[in-house]
Each structure stands twice: as C-alpha cells, then as structure tokens.
Protein backbone atom coordinates (compact mmCIF):
# COMPACT_ATOMS: atom_id res chain seq x y z
CA UNK A 1 -47.15 92.03 223.44
CA UNK A 2 -43.81 92.26 224.04
CA UNK A 3 -41.99 88.94 224.35
CA UNK A 4 -39.93 88.10 227.30
CA UNK A 5 -36.35 86.74 226.08
CA UNK A 6 -34.33 84.66 227.77
CA UNK A 7 -31.42 82.40 226.37
CA UNK A 8 -31.17 80.21 223.39
CA UNK A 9 -30.27 76.59 222.60
CA UNK A 10 -28.42 76.01 219.94
CA UNK A 11 -30.60 76.27 217.40
CA UNK A 12 -33.96 74.66 219.29
CA UNK A 13 -35.92 77.81 220.46
CA UNK A 14 -35.47 80.96 222.39
CA UNK A 15 -36.50 80.41 225.85
CA UNK A 16 -39.44 82.41 226.60
CA UNK A 17 -42.37 80.33 227.00
CA UNK A 18 -45.86 78.93 228.27
CA UNK A 19 -47.49 75.58 227.65
CA UNK A 20 -49.18 73.12 229.70
CA UNK A 21 -47.32 69.33 230.88
CA UNK A 22 -48.59 66.70 229.22
CA UNK A 23 -49.62 67.44 226.14
CA UNK A 24 -50.28 65.67 223.29
CA UNK A 25 -50.46 65.95 219.61
CA UNK A 26 -50.37 63.79 216.05
CA UNK A 27 -49.12 65.47 212.69
CA UNK A 28 -47.55 64.52 209.72
CA UNK A 29 -43.85 64.70 208.30
CA UNK A 30 -43.54 63.37 204.38
CA UNK A 31 -46.07 61.01 205.27
CA UNK A 32 -44.98 59.69 208.24
CA UNK A 33 -47.11 60.47 211.06
CA UNK A 34 -45.18 62.01 214.17
CA UNK A 35 -46.61 62.72 218.09
CA UNK A 36 -45.50 65.83 219.59
CA UNK A 37 -45.61 66.40 223.59
CA UNK A 38 -45.15 68.83 226.04
CA UNK A 39 -44.32 68.39 229.78
CA UNK A 40 -42.31 69.30 232.63
CA UNK A 41 -38.73 67.79 233.34
CA UNK A 42 -35.55 67.38 235.20
CA UNK A 43 -32.30 67.75 233.06
CA UNK A 44 -29.96 64.53 234.27
CA UNK A 45 -26.15 64.50 233.21
CA UNK A 46 -24.01 61.32 232.80
CA UNK A 47 -20.65 60.15 231.09
CA UNK A 48 -17.43 61.51 231.37
CA UNK A 49 -17.48 65.58 232.17
CA UNK A 50 -20.98 66.00 231.87
CA UNK A 51 -21.80 65.78 228.34
CA UNK A 52 -23.78 63.06 228.24
CA UNK A 53 -27.19 63.91 229.40
CA UNK A 54 -31.27 63.01 229.15
CA UNK A 55 -34.00 64.21 230.45
CA UNK A 56 -36.45 62.74 233.16
CA UNK A 57 -40.27 63.44 233.52
CA UNK A 58 -41.91 64.02 236.22
CA UNK A 59 -43.69 60.45 235.67
CA UNK A 60 -40.81 58.65 235.97
CA UNK A 61 -39.92 58.30 231.49
CA UNK A 62 -36.63 58.70 230.18
CA UNK A 63 -36.23 60.93 226.94
CA UNK A 64 -33.18 60.63 225.32
CA UNK A 65 -32.55 63.84 223.01
CA UNK A 66 -31.32 62.81 219.21
CA UNK A 67 -31.41 66.10 218.22
CA UNK A 68 -32.20 69.87 218.80
CA UNK A 69 -29.38 70.46 221.30
CA UNK A 70 -26.05 70.81 219.99
CA UNK A 71 -24.45 72.70 222.55
CA UNK A 72 -24.70 71.18 225.86
CA UNK A 73 -23.17 73.63 227.80
CA UNK A 74 -26.12 76.16 227.01
CA UNK A 75 -27.93 73.03 229.76
CA UNK A 76 -24.93 73.74 232.77
CA UNK A 77 -26.77 74.91 235.69
CA UNK A 78 -30.01 74.16 234.61
CA UNK A 79 -31.92 71.84 236.37
CA UNK A 80 -35.92 72.02 235.82
CA UNK A 81 -37.51 72.91 232.70
CA UNK A 82 -40.37 72.68 230.04
CA UNK A 83 -40.15 71.26 226.66
CA UNK A 84 -41.57 70.54 223.55
CA UNK A 85 -40.76 67.32 221.93
CA UNK A 86 -41.46 64.77 219.04
CA UNK A 87 -41.35 60.96 219.31
CA UNK A 88 -38.48 59.78 216.90
CA UNK A 89 -41.02 57.31 216.05
CA UNK A 90 -44.46 55.61 216.85
CA UNK A 91 -43.22 51.86 216.48
CA UNK A 92 -40.90 53.15 219.79
CA UNK A 93 -43.70 54.39 221.71
CA UNK A 94 -45.92 51.35 221.60
CA UNK A 95 -42.94 49.25 222.28
CA UNK A 96 -42.27 51.67 225.55
CA UNK A 97 -46.18 50.82 226.65
CA UNK A 98 -45.54 47.38 227.66
CA UNK A 99 -43.12 48.28 229.94
CA UNK A 100 -45.32 48.54 233.51
CA UNK A 101 -42.87 50.33 235.55
CA UNK A 102 -42.43 53.98 233.75
CA UNK A 103 -39.17 54.91 235.20
CA UNK A 104 -38.11 51.55 232.73
CA UNK A 105 -39.13 53.65 229.81
CA UNK A 106 -36.62 55.02 227.20
CA UNK A 107 -37.69 57.28 224.56
CA UNK A 108 -35.54 58.70 221.72
CA UNK A 109 -36.76 62.47 221.40
CA UNK A 110 -36.18 65.34 218.73
CA UNK A 111 -36.63 68.54 221.20
CA UNK A 112 -38.05 71.58 219.33
CA UNK A 113 -38.63 73.77 222.51
CA UNK A 114 -37.20 74.40 225.94
CA UNK A 115 -37.15 76.81 228.73
CA UNK A 116 -35.82 76.93 232.26
CA UNK A 117 -38.04 77.51 234.91
CA UNK A 118 -35.72 78.87 237.72
CA UNK A 119 -34.90 82.19 237.71
CA UNK A 120 -31.34 82.98 239.42
CA UNK A 121 -30.91 83.73 243.28
CA UNK A 122 -34.83 83.44 244.07
CA UNK A 123 -34.97 81.68 247.34
CA UNK A 124 -33.37 83.54 250.56
CA UNK A 125 -32.85 81.96 253.79
CA UNK A 126 -33.79 85.49 256.35
CA UNK A 127 -33.65 85.38 259.83
CA UNK A 128 -36.44 86.68 261.21
CA UNK A 129 -39.86 88.49 259.89
CA UNK A 130 -38.91 92.03 259.39
CA UNK A 131 -41.17 94.43 257.78
CA UNK A 132 -39.15 97.19 257.92
CA UNK A 133 -37.19 95.65 255.53
CA UNK A 134 -37.91 96.15 252.52
CA UNK A 135 -36.32 92.61 250.88
CA UNK A 136 -38.48 90.67 253.71
CA UNK A 137 -41.29 88.70 251.31
CA UNK A 138 -44.24 90.06 253.91
CA UNK A 139 -43.63 94.34 253.08
CA UNK A 140 -46.00 94.82 250.00
CA UNK A 141 -43.08 95.62 247.56
CA UNK A 142 -41.94 92.44 247.57
CA UNK A 143 -45.23 90.60 248.63
CA UNK A 144 -48.01 91.71 245.61
CA UNK A 145 -50.88 89.60 245.93
CA UNK A 146 -51.38 86.18 243.39
CA UNK A 147 -54.73 84.79 241.93
CA UNK A 148 -53.82 81.29 243.16
CA UNK A 149 -51.27 78.48 243.35
CA UNK A 150 -52.47 75.91 240.70
CA UNK A 151 -50.40 73.05 241.52
CA UNK A 152 -46.86 72.34 243.59
CA UNK A 153 -45.01 69.28 242.89
CA UNK A 154 -41.14 68.50 245.01
CA UNK A 155 -39.13 66.58 242.69
CA UNK A 156 -35.40 66.56 243.65
CA UNK A 157 -34.95 69.32 246.22
CA UNK A 158 -36.63 71.77 243.47
CA UNK A 159 -40.50 72.92 244.27
CA UNK A 160 -42.27 73.34 240.83
CA UNK A 161 -45.29 75.86 241.57
CA UNK A 162 -48.01 76.63 238.76
CA UNK A 163 -49.03 80.43 240.09
CA UNK A 164 -51.56 82.33 238.46
CA UNK A 165 -51.45 85.67 239.06
CA UNK A 166 -52.60 89.40 237.11
CA UNK A 167 -50.31 91.34 234.80
CA UNK A 168 -50.28 92.99 231.69
CA UNK A 169 -48.26 90.62 229.74
CA UNK A 170 -45.71 93.49 228.91
CA UNK A 171 -43.36 93.53 232.47
CA UNK A 172 -42.08 90.06 233.72
CA UNK A 173 -42.73 89.52 237.26
CA UNK A 174 -40.09 87.94 240.04
CA UNK A 175 -40.62 85.60 242.60
CA UNK A 176 -39.07 84.47 245.46
CA UNK A 177 -39.06 81.72 247.88
CA UNK A 178 -38.50 83.00 251.86
CA UNK A 179 -37.86 80.93 255.11
CA UNK A 180 -37.71 82.29 258.16
CA UNK A 181 -34.79 80.62 260.53
CA UNK A 182 -37.10 81.71 263.28
CA UNK A 183 -40.15 79.32 262.11
CA UNK A 184 -39.18 75.84 264.12
CA UNK A 185 -39.80 73.08 261.98
CA UNK A 186 -43.61 71.52 263.75
CA UNK A 187 -43.44 67.78 264.55
CA UNK A 188 -46.47 65.82 263.60
CA UNK A 189 -48.22 63.82 266.44
CA UNK A 190 -49.45 60.74 265.92
CA UNK A 191 -47.54 59.72 262.44
CA UNK A 192 -48.57 63.52 260.79
CA UNK A 193 -46.24 65.05 259.03
CA UNK A 194 -43.99 67.61 259.62
CA UNK A 195 -44.43 71.15 258.38
CA UNK A 196 -42.16 73.60 258.05
CA UNK A 197 -43.43 76.96 256.45
CA UNK A 198 -41.90 79.23 253.98
CA UNK A 199 -43.34 82.31 252.03
CA UNK A 200 -43.57 83.40 248.46
CA UNK A 201 -43.06 86.63 247.63
CA UNK A 202 -44.53 88.26 244.28
CA UNK A 203 -42.52 91.27 243.19
CA UNK A 204 -44.50 92.84 240.29
CA UNK A 205 -41.59 94.51 238.48
CA UNK A 206 -43.45 98.01 237.91
CA UNK A 207 -46.72 96.72 236.07
CA UNK A 208 -49.35 98.94 236.52
CA UNK A 209 -52.22 97.54 234.97
CA UNK A 210 -53.43 94.12 234.48
CA UNK A 211 -55.60 93.01 231.09
CA UNK A 212 -54.43 88.99 231.26
CA UNK A 213 -53.40 86.57 233.69
CA UNK A 214 -50.06 83.69 233.64
CA UNK A 215 -52.52 81.11 233.34
CA UNK A 216 -54.59 82.98 230.14
CA UNK A 217 -51.18 83.02 228.20
CA UNK A 218 -50.67 79.60 229.20
CA UNK A 219 -53.18 78.86 227.70
CA UNK A 220 -53.40 80.91 224.33
CA UNK A 221 -49.50 80.92 223.90
CA UNK A 222 -46.84 78.05 224.64
CA UNK A 223 -44.64 80.77 224.35
CA UNK A 224 -44.46 81.96 227.90
CA UNK A 225 -44.04 79.16 230.01
CA UNK A 226 -41.36 80.67 232.54
CA UNK A 227 -44.67 83.09 233.50
CA UNK A 228 -46.71 80.14 234.98
CA UNK A 229 -44.62 77.77 235.43
CA UNK A 230 -41.74 78.72 238.61
CA UNK A 231 -38.81 76.25 240.15
CA UNK A 232 -37.45 76.48 242.87
CA UNK A 233 -33.72 74.64 244.42
CA UNK A 234 -34.95 74.30 248.21
CA UNK A 235 -31.75 72.53 249.05
CA UNK A 236 -30.47 75.45 250.85
CA UNK A 237 -33.93 75.92 252.73
CA UNK A 238 -33.50 71.86 254.00
CA UNK A 239 -30.36 72.57 254.95
CA UNK A 240 -30.92 75.49 257.22
CA UNK A 241 -33.51 73.48 259.30
CA UNK A 242 -32.85 71.24 262.50
CA UNK A 243 -31.10 68.08 262.04
CA UNK A 244 -34.25 66.34 262.87
CA UNK A 245 -36.06 67.27 259.71
CA UNK A 246 -36.89 64.19 257.54
CA UNK A 247 -38.00 64.59 254.22
CA UNK A 248 -39.41 61.30 253.72
CA UNK A 249 -42.17 62.56 256.14
CA UNK A 250 -42.45 66.61 255.40
CA UNK A 251 -44.74 68.62 254.09
CA UNK A 252 -43.99 72.26 253.12
CA UNK A 253 -47.08 75.22 253.84
CA UNK A 254 -46.12 77.90 251.22
CA UNK A 255 -47.70 80.53 253.12
CA UNK A 256 -48.34 83.48 249.99
CA UNK A 257 -51.13 86.59 249.48
CA UNK A 258 -54.07 85.93 247.26
CA UNK A 259 -56.28 88.53 246.05
CA UNK A 260 -60.14 87.94 247.51
CA UNK A 261 -63.10 89.88 246.42
CA UNK A 262 -62.84 93.31 245.41
CA UNK A 263 -59.24 94.77 245.89
CA UNK A 264 -59.07 92.67 249.10
CA UNK A 265 -56.13 90.20 250.19
CA UNK A 266 -56.46 87.47 252.04
CA UNK A 267 -53.13 85.47 253.68
CA UNK A 268 -53.12 81.56 252.22
CA UNK A 269 -51.15 78.49 252.43
CA UNK A 270 -50.79 75.44 250.09
CA UNK A 271 -49.20 72.17 251.29
CA UNK A 272 -47.52 70.32 249.42
CA UNK A 273 -45.50 66.62 250.16
CA UNK A 274 -41.51 67.07 250.02
CA UNK A 275 -41.01 63.42 248.64
CA UNK A 276 -42.70 63.09 245.44
C-alpha cells in the first residue's frame, strides 16, 4: 500500500495517518510506566507572536507539549489535528483526575505523532444548485457515494467528520463541504433549533478499485488519520447566512450520497448541533 505523505513536524512524524480518538495504552521506559494516548485536538496559540501554544482536547483538557515539536512554524494555519502523545508522569494524571472540571485539567506531554485534519480549500459557497457545473457538489464527478458518516462534531467553528468510504488505499480521496446561498436558513418552531443545509462532496481522485475502506485502515494502522477524520472550517458558511442566525440554536444538516444495496445510492442527511 502506498503511503500518503503530507508534511513533517520537526522530528515528530510525517503528517499522514489515521487513528482513533481516545485510545489509551501503557508501557515501560527504563522501568518507568508510561501512558500513551491518541485524540482529536485543537491547536491554540498564546503569548507574544504566537510562539507559545498548547493543544485542547475535545473533552476540554489542556495538553502542554514538552517535546516533539521543535519548530512552531509548522503549526501555522493548523487548527484541527489528530495526535498521539505520552504523558510526562502517572502522578500528574492522578493529580489532575481530582479536578472535576475537565477544562481546568492540564497535562504535560511529549508529542510522538501529529496530523492536520483539514485539506486546503475544502469548503465552498455556491450561489445555486447547478448540475451543469462540474464544481457543483451534486454532479457525479464530485459527489461519489460514501458508506457512512460515523460521527460528526462541531468545535471552534470546525466541523469534524468520521467518514467511511470504499477505497483502494493507493489514492487520496478529496472531500468538500458545499453550501448553497439559495438554501435559506429554516427557522425552528416551538423551541426547535434552526436548520441549515450543507452538502458533503466526495471526489475519488481516479480511484478505480476498492479493496478496503477508510474505517478499516483506521482500525489497522494509525498511519492513516486523514483518510477517515476530516475537518472543515465552517466560518465562511455561517457568515454567508442571514444576520438572524443564532449559532447557539443551530443544527447543520449534512447531506451526502450514500451506498445502499448493490450499486444503488441514496441521498442521506446527518444532523449535528452547532455548539459543542
């Protein structure tokens, strides 16, 4: 299987990959017990000229790297990532566990692997549905079917999706989140949330045979995170909606084409609450 190379974070690892959030394991290093974990996280910068940074887990905990990324500039423009890290000490884990609020817990960690989950320019705002336009998400070329969206999450204006689809494992597939300006915001009634339609486009990039799936690769090898986890910056999507939008009461309806029986495909939608 061909490896899918992206970019390198200092001496940490090649940003390739796949993996599961919240995998926990233990091991020994010169007689000292170590705890290794894999998670989805958000990069947050603090301090002068954004030279200091930390990772915020989706569950709220703060990770302070003590080693692994020596050149901070490689994180420029990176927001949503998948990381594997080693806790500095068991004692700190036990101490922080006594803090009831996860957002107040801080851990010092060594980063052993990190991968950017966002493809460049993977969000598009179109004026109207146009099947004659090859850039439209509803055309077959850019709207190939998937098997399922296994999970959706919105955090810090990023939609993160667990997308399972057929693939050969030798070509990188591309995904684009489309929003049509002609699709109006549907206001909820009787305290129901407002709803906004978006479309998930899938480009197989010339992949012609399928002997595995993105989820299978996720289960077998953490070296393929970008195949399964996808992140989309939805800031531009929200800005192109009417001024009356209230993100605290908003549900995104993610519409895509999904395989059914045989070679049949059906249009399906996956709702996700905007605030996390």
